[in-house]
Amino acid sequence: MKKFFKNALKVSIASLVTSIILYVVMIGFFLLSIVTASAFGTVIKITVPILTLVTILGFIYSFFIKGKQKIPFVTLHFVSLCTISFGIYLAVSFQGFAPW
């Protein structure tokens, strides 16, 4: 593990792959939420904090990448953080919108 965390490129790639997998899981459960809405809520409560932490970790590590690969990784992690922030903003702003 020490060698893994010393290589910023590997950590950044692993973070991006984990983020993509978590996004696919969230979208998959959203599409299947017709069956059970409570399962989707549980998946969101579990995946969003993990997704946020993994993306922040990858964003920080992407600043330590040397060479021309730094810019794409910083950009991809920044876009992922913006997507998470916008999704949380929408969830909070539309929380009281739909009537029970």
PDB file of N, CA and C in Angstrom:
ATOM      1  N   MET A   1       0.819  -1.203   0.000  1.00  0.00           N
ATOM      2  CA  MET A   1       0.000   0.000   0.000  1.00  0.00           C
ATOM      3  C   MET A   1       0.861   1.264   0.000  1.00  0.00           C
ATOM      4  N   LYS A   2       2.048   1.182   0.600  1.00  0.00           N
ATOM      5  CA  LYS A   2       2.896   2.367   0.637  1.00  0.00           C
ATOM      6  C   LYS A   2       3.322   2.768  -0.767  1.00  0.00           C
ATOM      7  N   LYS A   3       3.628   1.763  -1.605  1.00  0.00           N
ATOM      8  CA  LYS A   3       4.024   2.062  -2.977  1.00  0.00           C
ATOM      9  C   LYS A   3       2.862   2.626  -3.771  1.00  0.00           C
ATOM     10  N   PHE A   4       1.652   2.142  -3.465  1.00  0.00           N
ATOM     11  CA  PHE A   4       0.474   2.622  -4.191  1.00  0.00           C
ATOM     12  C   PHE A   4       0.217   4.094  -3.919  1.00  0.00           C
ATOM     13  N   PHE A   5       0.259   4.489  -2.657  1.00  0.00           N
ATOM     14  CA  PHE A   5      -0.034   5.878  -2.312  1.00  0.00           C
ATOM     15  C   PHE A   5       1.111   6.827  -2.642  1.00  0.00           C
ATOM     16  N   LYS A   6       2.301   6.302  -2.909  1.00  0.00           N
ATOM     17  CA  LYS A   6       3.403   7.164  -3.316  1.00  0.00           C
ATOM     18  C   LYS A   6       3.331   7.517  -4.789  1.00  0.00           C
ATOM     19  N   ASN A   7       2.618   6.725  -5.578  1.00  0.00           N
ATOM     20  CA  ASN A   7       2.479   6.996  -7.002  1.00  0.00           C
ATOM     21  C   ASN A   7       1.160   7.730  -7.234  1.00  0.00           C
ATOM     22  N   ALA A   8       1.252   9.035  -7.473  1.00  0.00           N
ATOM     23  CA  ALA A   8       0.050   9.863  -7.596  1.00  0.00           C
ATOM     24  C   ALA A   8      -0.783   9.494  -8.811  1.00  0.00           C
ATOM     25  N   LEU A   9      -0.155   9.064  -9.888  1.00  0.00           N
ATOM     26  CA  LEU A   9      -0.895   8.706 -11.096  1.00  0.00           C
ATOM     27  C   LEU A   9      -1.771   7.480 -10.851  1.00  0.00           C
ATOM     28  N   LYS A  10      -1.251   6.475 -10.160  1.00  0.00           N
ATOM     29  CA  LYS A  10      -2.045   5.282  -9.858  1.00  0.00           C
ATOM     30  C   LYS A  10      -3.218   5.607  -8.948  1.00  0.00           C
ATOM     31  N   VAL A  11      -2.996   6.452  -7.964  1.00  0.00           N
ATOM     32  CA  VAL A  11      -4.082   6.823  -7.052  1.00  0.00           C
ATOM     33  C   VAL A  11      -5.157   7.601  -7.808  1.00  0.00           C
ATOM     34  N   SER A  12      -4.739   8.487  -8.691  1.00  0.00           N
ATOM     35  CA  SER A  12      -5.693   9.286  -9.451  1.00  0.00           C
ATOM     36  C   SER A  12      -6.500   8.418 -10.412  1.00  0.00           C
ATOM     37  N   ILE A  13      -5.841   7.476 -11.071  1.00  0.00           N
ATOM     38  CA  ILE A  13      -6.560   6.569 -11.974  1.00  0.00           C
ATOM     39  C   ILE A  13      -7.532   5.698 -11.192  1.00  0.00           C
ATOM     40  N   ALA A  14      -7.097   5.158 -10.063  1.00  0.00           N
ATOM     41  CA  ALA A  14      -7.976   4.330  -9.234  1.00  0.00           C
ATOM     42  C   ALA A  14      -9.173   5.138  -8.736  1.00  0.00           C
ATOM     43  N   SER A  15      -8.947   6.387  -8.421  1.00  0.00           N
ATOM     44  CA  SER A  15     -10.033   7.250  -7.975  1.00  0.00           C
ATOM     45  C   SER A  15     -11.041   7.491  -9.096  1.00  0.00           C
ATOM     46  N   LEU A  16     -10.549   7.732 -10.307  1.00  0.00           N
ATOM     47  CA  LEU A  16     -11.455   7.932 -11.436  1.00  0.00           C
ATOM     48  C   LEU A  16     -12.261   6.672 -11.744  1.00  0.00           C
ATOM     49  N   VAL A  17     -11.612   5.521 -11.713  1.00  0.00           N
ATOM     50  CA  VAL A  17     -12.311   4.265 -11.980  1.00  0.00           C
ATOM     51  C   VAL A  17     -13.371   4.007 -10.910  1.00  0.00           C
ATOM     52  N   THR A  18     -13.031   4.238  -9.657  1.00  0.00           N
ATOM     53  CA  THR A  18     -13.997   4.063  -8.570  1.00  0.00           C
ATOM     54  C   THR A  18     -15.165   5.032  -8.711  1.00  0.00           C
ATOM     55  N   SER A  19     -14.877   6.270  -9.088  1.00  0.00           N
ATOM     56  CA  SER A  19     -15.945   7.256  -9.278  1.00  0.00           C
ATOM     57  C   SER A  19     -16.881   6.839 -10.403  1.00  0.00           C
ATOM     58  N   ILE A  20     -16.318   6.370 -11.505  1.00  0.00           N
ATOM     59  CA  ILE A  20     -17.158   5.935 -12.626  1.00  0.00           C
ATOM     60  C   ILE A  20     -18.026   4.751 -12.222  1.00  0.00           C
ATOM     61  N   ILE A  21     -17.458   3.807 -11.491  1.00  0.00           N
ATOM     62  CA  ILE A  21     -18.234   2.649 -11.035  1.00  0.00           C
ATOM     63  C   ILE A  21     -19.374   3.095 -10.116  1.00  0.00           C
ATOM     64  N   LEU A  22     -19.099   4.012  -9.208  1.00  0.00           N
ATOM     65  CA  LEU A  22     -20.156   4.484  -8.299  1.00  0.00           C
ATOM     66  C   LEU A  22     -21.227   5.275  -9.044  1.00  0.00           C
ATOM     67  N   TYR A  23     -20.834   6.069 -10.045  1.00  0.00           N
ATOM     68  CA  TYR A  23     -21.833   6.768 -10.860  1.00  0.00           C
ATOM     69  C   TYR A  23     -22.724   5.771 -11.598  1.00  0.00           C
ATOM     70  N   VAL A  24     -22.132   4.717 -12.158  1.00  0.00           N
ATOM     71  CA  VAL A  24     -22.915   3.700 -12.873  1.00  0.00           C
ATOM     72  C   VAL A  24     -23.869   2.989 -11.916  1.00  0.00           C
ATOM     73  N   VAL A  25     -23.410   2.694 -10.713  1.00  0.00           N
ATOM     74  CA  VAL A  25     -24.281   2.045  -9.717  1.00  0.00           C
ATOM     75  C   VAL A  25     -25.450   2.961  -9.373  1.00  0.00           C
ATOM     76  N   MET A  26     -25.176   4.253  -9.176  1.00  0.00           N
ATOM     77  CA  MET A  26     -26.257   5.186  -8.838  1.00  0.00           C
ATOM     78  C   MET A  26     -27.249   5.315  -9.984  1.00  0.00           C
ATOM     79  N   ILE A  27     -26.766   5.431 -11.201  1.00  0.00           N
ATOM     80  CA  ILE A  27     -27.666   5.553 -12.354  1.00  0.00           C
ATOM     81  C   ILE A  27     -28.454   4.266 -12.555  1.00  0.00           C
ATOM     82  N   GLY A  28     -27.795   3.120 -12.372  1.00  0.00           N
ATOM     83  CA  GLY A  28     -28.481   1.836 -12.494  1.00  0.00           C
ATOM     84  C   GLY A  28     -29.595   1.679 -11.475  1.00  0.00           C
ATOM     85  N   PHE A  29     -29.330   2.042 -10.242  1.00  0.00           N
ATOM     86  CA  PHE A  29     -30.381   1.958  -9.230  1.00  0.00           C
ATOM     87  C   PHE A  29     -31.470   2.992  -9.461  1.00  0.00           C
ATOM     88  N   PHE A  30     -31.120   4.139 -10.051  1.00  0.00           N
ATOM     89  CA  PHE A  30     -32.153   5.126 -10.375  1.00  0.00           C
ATOM     90  C   PHE A  30     -33.092   4.584 -11.446  1.00  0.00           C
ATOM     91  N   LEU A  31     -32.532   3.933 -12.449  1.00  0.00           N
ATOM     92  CA  LEU A  31     -33.369   3.363 -13.503  1.00  0.00           C
ATOM     93  C   LEU A  31     -34.218   2.211 -12.985  1.00  0.00           C
ATOM     94  N   LEU A  32     -33.731   1.511 -11.980  1.00  0.00           N
ATOM     95  CA  LEU A  32     -34.484   0.412 -11.388  1.00  0.00           C
ATOM     96  C   LEU A  32     -35.312   0.842 -10.178  1.00  0.00           C
ATOM     97  N   SER A  33     -35.358   2.131  -9.901  1.00  0.00           N
ATOM     98  CA  SER A  33     -36.062   2.608  -8.701  1.00  0.00           C
ATOM     99  C   SER A  33     -37.570   2.513  -8.824  1.00  0.00           C
ATOM    100  N   ILE A  34     -38.070   2.111  -9.983  1.00  0.00           N
ATOM    101  CA  ILE A  34     -39.509   1.906 -10.132  1.00  0.00           C
ATOM    102  C   ILE A  34     -39.949   0.791  -9.200  1.00  0.00           C
ATOM    103  N   VAL A  35     -39.083  -0.194  -9.018  1.00  0.00           N
ATOM    104  CA  VAL A  35     -39.418  -1.337  -8.169  1.00  0.00           C
ATOM    105  C   VAL A  35     -39.427  -0.933  -6.699  1.00  0.00           C
ATOM    106  N   THR A  36     -38.324  -0.396  -6.218  1.00  0.00           N
ATOM    107  CA  THR A  36     -38.236  -0.007  -4.812  1.00  0.00           C
ATOM    108  C   THR A  36     -37.537   1.335  -4.695  1.00  0.00           C
ATOM    109  N   ALA A  37     -38.260   2.299  -4.185  1.00  0.00           N
ATOM    110  CA  ALA A  37     -37.678   3.625  -3.991  1.00  0.00           C
ATOM    111  C   ALA A  37     -36.801   3.665  -2.743  1.00  0.00           C
ATOM    112  N   SER A  38     -37.110   2.838  -1.770  1.00  0.00           N
ATOM    113  CA  SER A  38     -36.306   2.854  -0.549  1.00  0.00           C
ATOM    114  C   SER A  38     -34.901   2.303  -0.797  1.00  0.00           C
ATOM    115  N   ALA A  39     -34.776   1.352  -1.715  1.00  0.00           N
ATOM    116  CA  ALA A  39     -33.449   0.815  -2.049  1.00  0.00           C
ATOM    117  C   ALA A  39     -32.603   1.894  -2.723  1.00  0.00           C
ATOM    118  N   PHE A  40     -33.222   2.691  -3.565  1.00  0.00           N
ATOM    119  CA  PHE A  40     -32.489   3.778  -4.214  1.00  0.00           C
ATOM    120  C   PHE A  40     -32.023   4.797  -3.182  1.00  0.00           C
ATOM    121  N   GLY A  41     -32.859   5.118  -2.227  1.00  0.00           N
ATOM    122  CA  GLY A  41     -32.483   6.052  -1.170  1.00  0.00           C
ATOM    123  C   GLY A  41     -31.322   5.524  -0.332  1.00  0.00           C
ATOM    124  N   THR A  42     -31.342   4.229  -0.064  1.00  0.00           N
ATOM    125  CA  THR A  42     -30.250   3.618   0.696  1.00  0.00           C
ATOM    126  C   THR A  42     -28.954   3.643  -0.098  1.00  0.00           C
ATOM    127  N   VAL A  43     -29.038   3.354  -1.387  1.00  0.00           N
ATOM    128  CA  VAL A  43     -27.840   3.376  -2.234  1.00  0.00           C
ATOM    129  C   VAL A  43     -27.266   4.780  -2.308  1.00  0.00           C
ATOM    130  N   ILE A  44     -28.115   5.779  -2.406  1.00  0.00           N
ATOM    131  CA  ILE A  44     -27.656   7.170  -2.464  1.00  0.00           C
ATOM    132  C   ILE A  44     -26.975   7.547  -1.149  1.00  0.00           C
ATOM    133  N   LYS A  45     -27.561   7.144  -0.028  1.00  0.00           N
ATOM    134  CA  LYS A  45     -26.968   7.477   1.275  1.00  0.00           C
ATOM    135  C   LYS A  45     -25.605   6.826   1.471  1.00  0.00           C
ATOM    136  N   ILE A  46     -25.386   5.688   0.835  1.00  0.00           N
ATOM    137  CA  ILE A  46     -24.109   5.001   0.970  1.00  0.00           C
ATOM    138  C   ILE A  46     -23.094   5.509  -0.048  1.00  0.00           C
ATOM    139  N   THR A  47     -23.499   5.682  -1.294  1.00  0.00           N
ATOM    140  CA  THR A  47     -22.542   5.981  -2.355  1.00  0.00           C
ATOM    141  C   THR A  47     -22.099   7.434  -2.414  1.00  0.00           C
ATOM    142  N   VAL A  48     -22.942   8.371  -2.075  1.00  0.00           N
ATOM    143  CA  VAL A  48     -22.569   9.787  -2.203  1.00  0.00           C
ATOM    144  C   VAL A  48     -21.407  10.167  -1.267  1.00  0.00           C
ATOM    145  N   PRO A  49     -21.412   9.787   0.002  1.00  0.00           N
ATOM    146  CA  PRO A  49     -20.226  10.118   0.814  1.00  0.00           C
ATOM    147  C   PRO A  49     -18.948   9.437   0.322  1.00  0.00           C
ATOM    148  N   ILE A  50     -19.065   8.165  -0.091  1.00  0.00           N
ATOM    149  CA  ILE A  50     -17.893   7.474  -0.616  1.00  0.00           C
ATOM    150  C   ILE A  50     -17.411   8.145  -1.889  1.00  0.00           C
ATOM    151  N   LEU A  51     -18.342   8.479  -2.767  1.00  0.00           N
ATOM    152  CA  LEU A  51     -17.996   9.143  -4.021  1.00  0.00           C
ATOM    153  C   LEU A  51     -17.337  10.484  -3.775  1.00  0.00           C
ATOM    154  N   THR A  52     -17.830  11.229  -2.823  1.00  0.00           N
ATOM    155  CA  THR A  52     -17.248  12.531  -2.509  1.00  0.00           C
ATOM    156  C   THR A  52     -15.825  12.382  -1.978  1.00  0.00           C
ATOM    157  N   LEU A  53     -15.623  11.470  -1.050  1.00  0.00           N
ATOM    158  CA  LEU A  53     -14.285  11.279  -0.479  1.00  0.00           C
ATOM    159  C   LEU A  53     -13.285  10.767  -1.508  1.00  0.00           C
ATOM    160  N   VAL A  54     -13.704   9.824  -2.335  1.00  0.00           N
ATOM    161  CA  VAL A  54     -12.816   9.278  -3.361  1.00  0.00           C
ATOM    162  C   VAL A  54     -12.446  10.352  -4.376  1.00  0.00           C
ATOM    163  N   THR A  55     -13.398  11.162  -4.759  1.00  0.00           N
ATOM    164  CA  THR A  55     -13.128  12.214  -5.741  1.00  0.00           C
ATOM    165  C   THR A  55     -12.214  13.286  -5.164  1.00  0.00           C
ATOM    166  N   ILE A  56     -12.427  13.663  -3.927  1.00  0.00           N
ATOM    167  CA  ILE A  56     -11.538  14.653  -3.295  1.00  0.00           C
ATOM    168  C   ILE A  56     -10.125  14.093  -3.166  1.00  0.00           C
ATOM    169  N   LEU A  57      -9.999  12.829  -2.779  1.00  0.00           N
ATOM    170  CA  LEU A  57      -8.685  12.200  -2.685  1.00  0.00           C
ATOM    171  C   LEU A  57      -7.980  12.202  -4.050  1.00  0.00           C
ATOM    172  N   GLY A  58      -8.699  11.817  -5.091  1.00  0.00           N
ATOM    173  CA  GLY A  58      -8.115  11.820  -6.428  1.00  0.00           C
ATOM    174  C   GLY A  58      -7.774  13.214  -6.914  1.00  0.00           C
ATOM    175  N   PHE A  59      -8.606  14.196  -6.552  1.00  0.00           N
ATOM    176  CA  PHE A  59      -8.344  15.588  -6.938  1.00  0.00           C
ATOM    177  C   PHE A  59      -7.061  16.097  -6.289  1.00  0.00           C
ATOM    178  N   ILE A  60      -6.881  15.793  -5.020  1.00  0.00           N
ATOM    179  CA  ILE A  60      -5.671  16.225  -4.321  1.00  0.00           C
ATOM    180  C   ILE A  60      -4.438  15.521  -4.897  1.00  0.00           C
ATOM    181  N   TYR A  61      -4.544  14.215  -5.112  1.00  0.00           N
ATOM    182  CA  TYR A  61      -3.405  13.471  -5.644  1.00  0.00           C
ATOM    183  C   TYR A  61      -3.084  13.870  -7.083  1.00  0.00           C
ATOM    184  N   SER A  62      -4.071  14.335  -7.844  1.00  0.00           N
ATOM    185  CA  SER A  62      -3.799  14.696  -9.241  1.00  0.00           C
ATOM    186  C   SER A  62      -2.911  15.934  -9.347  1.00  0.00           C
ATOM    187  N   PHE A  63      -2.807  16.726  -8.303  1.00  0.00           N
ATOM    188  CA  PHE A  63      -1.892  17.866  -8.330  1.00  0.00           C
ATOM    189  C   PHE A  63      -0.429  17.426  -8.233  1.00  0.00           C
ATOM    190  N   PHE A  64      -0.179  16.213  -7.769  1.00  0.00           N
ATOM    191  CA  PHE A  64       1.188  15.714  -7.619  1.00  0.00           C
ATOM    192  C   PHE A  64       1.660  14.900  -8.817  1.00  0.00           C
ATOM    193  N   ILE A  65       0.813  14.789  -9.849  1.00  0.00           N
ATOM    194  CA  ILE A  65       1.213  14.086 -11.064  1.00  0.00           C
ATOM    195  C   ILE A  65       2.184  14.972 -11.831  1.00  0.00           C
ATOM    196  N   LYS A  66       3.233  14.370 -12.328  1.00  0.00           N
ATOM    197  CA  LYS A  66       4.224  15.122 -13.084  1.00  0.00           C
ATOM    198  C   LYS A  66       3.971  14.933 -14.579  1.00  0.00           C
ATOM    199  N   GLY A  67       4.186  15.990 -15.339  1.00  0.00           N
ATOM    200  CA  GLY A  67       4.061  15.898 -16.787  1.00  0.00           C
ATOM    201  C   GLY A  67       2.736  16.448 -17.289  1.00  0.00           C
ATOM    202  N   LYS A  68       2.458  16.103 -18.543  1.00  0.00           N
ATOM    203  CA  LYS A  68       1.258  16.626 -19.206  1.00  0.00           C
ATOM    204  C   LYS A  68      -0.022  15.927 -18.771  1.00  0.00           C
ATOM    205  N   GLN A  69       0.089  14.843 -18.033  1.00  0.00           N
ATOM    206  CA  GLN A  69      -1.097  14.118 -17.595  1.00  0.00           C
ATOM    207  C   GLN A  69      -1.817  14.810 -16.448  1.00  0.00           C
ATOM    208  N   LYS A  70      -1.198  15.802 -15.872  1.00  0.00           N
ATOM    209  CA  LYS A  70      -1.791  16.492 -14.726  1.00  0.00           C
ATOM    210  C   LYS A  70      -3.089  17.200 -15.105  1.00  0.00           C
ATOM    211  N   ILE A  71      -3.098  17.922 -16.219  1.00  0.00           N
ATOM    212  CA  ILE A  71      -4.249  18.752 -16.602  1.00  0.00           C
ATOM    213  C   ILE A  71      -5.512  17.919 -16.825  1.00  0.00           C
ATOM    214  N   PRO A  72      -5.469  16.812 -17.596  1.00  0.00           N
ATOM    215  CA  PRO A  72      -6.713  16.038 -17.756  1.00  0.00           C
ATOM    216  C   PRO A  72      -7.243  15.459 -16.456  1.00  0.00           C
ATOM    217  N   PHE A  73      -6.355  14.993 -15.581  1.00  0.00           N
ATOM    218  CA  PHE A  73      -6.813  14.403 -14.333  1.00  0.00           C
ATOM    219  C   PHE A  73      -7.394  15.453 -13.390  1.00  0.00           C
ATOM    220  N   VAL A  74      -6.776  16.613 -13.312  1.00  0.00           N
ATOM    221  CA  VAL A  74      -7.327  17.687 -12.487  1.00  0.00           C
ATOM    222  C   VAL A  74      -8.696  18.101 -13.029  1.00  0.00           C
ATOM    223  N   THR A  75      -8.804  18.209 -14.339  1.00  0.00           N
ATOM    224  CA  THR A  75     -10.077  18.602 -14.953  1.00  0.00           C
ATOM    225  C   THR A  75     -11.163  17.561 -14.710  1.00  0.00           C
ATOM    226  N   LEU A  76     -10.849  16.288 -14.896  1.00  0.00           N
ATOM    227  CA  LEU A  76     -11.855  15.241 -14.694  1.00  0.00           C
ATOM    228  C   LEU A  76     -12.319  15.165 -13.242  1.00  0.00           C
ATOM    229  N   HIS A  77     -11.407  15.297 -12.316  1.00  0.00           N
ATOM    230  CA  HIS A  77     -11.804  15.272 -10.902  1.00  0.00           C
ATOM    231  C   HIS A  77     -12.605  16.521 -10.542  1.00  0.00           C
ATOM    232  N   PHE A  78     -12.248  17.658 -11.122  1.00  0.00           N
ATOM    233  CA  PHE A  78     -13.006  18.883 -10.854  1.00  0.00           C
ATOM    234  C   PHE A  78     -14.429  18.769 -11.403  1.00  0.00           C
ATOM    235  N   VAL A  79     -14.575  18.217 -12.590  1.00  0.00           N
ATOM    236  CA  VAL A  79     -15.910  18.030 -13.173  1.00  0.00           C
ATOM    237  C   VAL A  79     -16.726  17.067 -12.313  1.00  0.00           C
ATOM    238  N   SER A  80     -16.080  16.030 -11.801  1.00  0.00           N
ATOM    239  CA  SER A  80     -16.781  15.093 -10.931  1.00  0.00           C
ATOM    240  C   SER A  80     -17.238  15.772  -9.641  1.00  0.00           C
ATOM    241  N   LEU A  81     -16.391  16.605  -9.058  1.00  0.00           N
ATOM    242  CA  LEU A  81     -16.792  17.347  -7.849  1.00  0.00           C
ATOM    243  C   LEU A  81     -17.931  18.313  -8.133  1.00  0.00           C
ATOM    244  N   CYS A  82     -17.893  18.959  -9.288  1.00  0.00           N
ATOM    245  CA  CYS A  82     -18.984  19.869  -9.659  1.00  0.00           C
ATOM    246  C   CYS A  82     -20.291  19.104  -9.857  1.00  0.00           C
ATOM    247  N   THR A  83     -20.210  17.924 -10.446  1.00  0.00           N
ATOM    248  CA  THR A  83     -21.403  17.105 -10.646  1.00  0.00           C
ATOM    249  C   THR A  83     -22.001  16.677  -9.312  1.00  0.00           C
ATOM    250  N   ILE A  84     -21.165  16.265  -8.396  1.00  0.00           N
ATOM    251  CA  ILE A  84     -21.645  15.876  -7.064  1.00  0.00           C
ATOM    252  C   ILE A  84     -22.281  17.070  -6.365  1.00  0.00           C
ATOM    253  N   SER A  85     -21.628  18.214  -6.421  1.00  0.00           N
ATOM    254  CA  SER A  85     -22.148  19.415  -5.758  1.00  0.00           C
ATOM    255  C   SER A  85     -23.481  19.844  -6.354  1.00  0.00           C
ATOM    256  N   PHE A  86     -23.589  19.792  -7.673  1.00  0.00           N
ATOM    257  CA  PHE A  86     -24.839  20.180  -8.327  1.00  0.00           C
ATOM    258  C   PHE A  86     -25.957  19.196  -7.988  1.00  0.00           C
ATOM    259  N   GLY A  87     -25.632  17.915  -7.928  1.00  0.00           N
ATOM    260  CA  GLY A  87     -26.639  16.918  -7.552  1.00  0.00           C
ATOM    261  C   GLY A  87     -27.130  17.112  -6.127  1.00  0.00           C
ATOM    262  N   ILE A  88     -26.229  17.413  -5.220  1.00  0.00           N
ATOM    263  CA  ILE A  88     -26.627  17.678  -3.836  1.00  0.00           C
ATOM    264  C   ILE A  88     -27.462  18.952  -3.755  1.00  0.00           C
ATOM    265  N   TYR A  89     -27.063  19.975  -4.519  1.00  0.00           N
ATOM    266  CA  TYR A  89     -27.836  21.220  -4.558  1.00  0.00           C
ATOM    267  C   TYR A  89     -29.255  20.965  -5.054  1.00  0.00           C
ATOM    268  N   LEU A  90     -29.396  20.180  -6.122  1.00  0.00           N
ATOM    269  CA  LEU A  90     -30.732  19.873  -6.637  1.00  0.00           C
ATOM    270  C   LEU A  90     -31.546  19.068  -5.633  1.00  0.00           C
ATOM    271  N   ALA A  91     -30.907  18.121  -4.973  1.00  0.00           N
ATOM    272  CA  ALA A  91     -31.627  17.304  -3.992  1.00  0.00           C
ATOM    273  C   ALA A  91     -32.134  18.154  -2.838  1.00  0.00           C
ATOM    274  N   VAL A  92     -31.324  19.092  -2.383  1.00  0.00           N
ATOM    275  CA  VAL A  92     -31.737  19.947  -1.270  1.00  0.00           C
ATOM    276  C   VAL A  92     -32.793  20.949  -1.721  1.00  0.00           C
ATOM    277  N   SER A  93     -32.631  21.518  -2.900  1.00  0.00           N
ATOM    278  CA  SER A  93     -33.566  22.549  -3.344  1.00  0.00           C
ATOM    279  C   SER A  93     -34.933  21.980  -3.713  1.00  0.00           C
ATOM    280  N   PHE A  94     -34.992  20.742  -4.207  1.00  0.00           N
ATOM    281  CA  PHE A  94     -36.274  20.141  -4.568  1.00  0.00           C
ATOM    282  C   PHE A  94     -36.809  19.206  -3.491  1.00  0.00           C
ATOM    283  N   GLN A  95     -36.249  19.276  -2.311  1.00  0.00           N
ATOM    284  CA  GLN A  95     -36.653  18.368  -1.236  1.00  0.00           C
ATOM    285  C   GLN A  95     -38.122  18.560  -0.857  1.00  0.00           C
ATOM    286  N   GLY A  96     -38.567  19.772  -0.748  1.00  0.00           N
ATOM    287  CA  GLY A  96     -39.945  20.030  -0.362  1.00  0.00           C
ATOM    288  C   GLY A  96     -40.855  20.304  -1.541  1.00  0.00           C
ATOM    289  N   PHE A  97     -40.373  20.052  -2.751  1.00  0.00           N
ATOM    290  CA  PHE A  97     -41.142  20.389  -3.955  1.00  0.00           C
ATOM    291  C   PHE A  97     -42.243  19.382  -4.231  1.00  0.00           C
ATOM    292  N   ALA A  98     -41.914  18.108  -4.153  1.00  0.00           N
ATOM    293  CA  ALA A  98     -42.900  17.076  -4.497  1.00  0.00           C
ATOM    294  C   ALA A  98     -43.803  16.810  -3.300  1.00  0.00           C
ATOM    295  N   PRO A  99     -45.106  16.863  -3.513  1.00  0.00           N
ATOM    296  CA  PRO A  99     -46.033  16.592  -2.400  1.00  0.00           C
ATOM    297  C   PRO A  99     -46.075  15.088  -2.087  1.00  0.00           C
ATOM    298  N   TRP A 100     -46.363  14.781  -0.833  1.00  0.00           N
ATOM    299  CA  TRP A 100     -46.474  13.372  -0.434  1.00  0.00           C
ATOM    300  C   TRP A 100     -47.828  12.906  -0.752  1.00  0.00           C
TER     301      TRP A 100
END
